[in-house]
């Protein structure tokens, strides 16, 4: 999932699929996943959370609980509260 977030961020910055690993037939799905106000800010937030999570689970004895907490935090991101389901579904379809 992290590489998808990184590639979506590259697409937002360059507005071009050639800088990503996505095939051209997924352009419409990527457009859907970025069709909201300030998508780069949201995806940077998600990337930062994933990097923190990666470090937090290194010596964790209950990885599932830690991952669950992080996904709850991601899902409660207030800035995008009304669009998170749409965005997450769009990412999953990639």
Protein backbone atom coordinates (compact mmCIF):
# COMPACT_ATOMS: atom_id res chain seq x y z
CA UNK A 1 0.00 0.00 0.00
CA UNK A 2 2.85 2.40 0.78
CA UNK A 3 4.14 2.31 -2.80
CA UNK A 4 0.63 3.13 -4.07
CA UNK A 5 0.47 6.17 -1.79
CA UNK A 6 3.90 7.26 -3.00
CA UNK A 7 2.92 6.82 -6.65
CA UNK A 8 -0.33 8.71 -6.15
CA UNK A 9 1.67 11.56 -4.63
CA UNK A 10 4.03 11.53 -7.62
CA UNK A 11 1.03 11.67 -9.94
CA UNK A 12 -0.43 14.64 -8.04
CA UNK A 13 2.85 16.56 -8.21
CA UNK A 14 3.66 15.79 -11.87
CA UNK A 15 0.14 15.23 -13.21
CA UNK A 16 1.59 12.42 -15.28
CA UNK A 17 1.40 8.63 -15.00
CA UNK A 18 4.86 8.05 -16.47
CA UNK A 19 6.50 8.88 -13.12
CA UNK A 20 4.47 6.14 -11.42
CA UNK A 21 4.23 2.36 -11.58
CA UNK A 22 0.53 2.53 -12.44
CA UNK A 23 -0.51 1.28 -15.88
CA UNK A 24 -2.26 3.78 -18.12
CA UNK A 25 -5.55 1.85 -17.92
CA UNK A 26 -5.86 2.93 -14.26
CA UNK A 27 -5.86 6.66 -14.97
CA UNK A 28 -9.58 7.08 -14.24
CA UNK A 29 -9.24 5.33 -10.85
CA UNK A 30 -6.28 7.54 -9.96
CA UNK A 31 -8.23 10.63 -10.93
CA UNK A 32 -11.05 9.48 -8.62
CA UNK A 33 -8.57 8.89 -5.79
CA UNK A 34 -7.27 12.45 -6.13
CA UNK A 35 -10.50 14.29 -6.89
CA UNK A 36 -10.87 16.32 -3.70
CA UNK A 37 -9.42 19.44 -2.14
CA UNK A 38 -5.67 19.26 -1.35
CA UNK A 39 -5.10 15.56 -2.12
CA UNK A 40 -1.32 15.88 -1.77
CA UNK A 41 -1.70 17.09 1.81
CA UNK A 42 -3.86 14.07 2.63
CA UNK A 43 -1.51 11.54 1.01
CA UNK A 44 1.50 13.11 2.71
CA UNK A 45 -0.32 12.69 6.02
CA UNK A 46 -0.95 9.02 5.22
CA UNK A 47 2.69 8.48 4.17
CA UNK A 48 3.94 10.05 7.39
CA UNK A 49 1.64 7.83 9.45
CA UNK A 50 2.85 4.73 7.58
CA UNK A 51 6.50 5.63 8.22
CA UNK A 52 5.80 6.12 11.93
CA UNK A 53 3.89 2.83 11.99
CA UNK A 54 6.80 1.04 10.32
CA UNK A 55 9.10 2.17 13.12
CA UNK A 56 6.59 1.51 15.88
CA UNK A 57 6.00 -2.13 14.99
CA UNK A 58 9.68 -3.15 14.86
CA UNK A 59 9.74 -4.37 18.46
CA UNK A 60 6.02 -4.54 19.07
CA UNK A 61 4.61 -7.64 20.74
CA UNK A 62 1.05 -6.88 19.61
CA UNK A 63 1.45 -5.68 16.04
CA UNK A 64 -2.23 -6.15 15.13
CA UNK A 65 -3.40 -3.80 17.88
CA UNK A 66 -0.86 -1.17 16.87
CA UNK A 67 -1.86 -1.37 13.22
CA UNK A 68 -5.54 -1.17 14.20
CA UNK A 69 -4.88 2.02 16.16
CA UNK A 70 -3.06 3.60 13.23
CA UNK A 71 -5.88 2.80 10.82
CA UNK A 72 -8.41 4.25 13.25
CA UNK A 73 -6.29 7.40 13.41
CA UNK A 74 -6.11 7.54 9.62
CA UNK A 75 -9.86 7.05 9.36
CA UNK A 76 -10.57 9.85 11.79
CA UNK A 77 -8.52 12.44 9.91
CA UNK A 78 -10.85 15.39 10.45
CA UNK A 79 -9.78 17.39 7.43
CA UNK A 80 -11.15 14.73 5.09
CA UNK A 81 -13.83 13.17 7.28
CA UNK A 82 -16.61 13.35 4.71
CA UNK A 83 -14.51 11.89 1.86
CA UNK A 84 -12.39 9.18 3.50
CA UNK A 85 -14.56 6.22 2.41
CA UNK A 86 -14.53 7.43 -1.17
CA UNK A 87 -10.74 7.88 -1.12
CA UNK A 88 -10.03 4.54 0.55
CA UNK A 89 -12.32 2.69 -1.88
CA UNK A 90 -10.60 4.41 -4.77
CA UNK A 91 -7.17 3.34 -3.49
CA UNK A 92 -8.32 -0.24 -3.01
CA UNK A 93 -9.53 -0.38 -6.60
CA UNK A 94 -6.02 0.37 -7.92
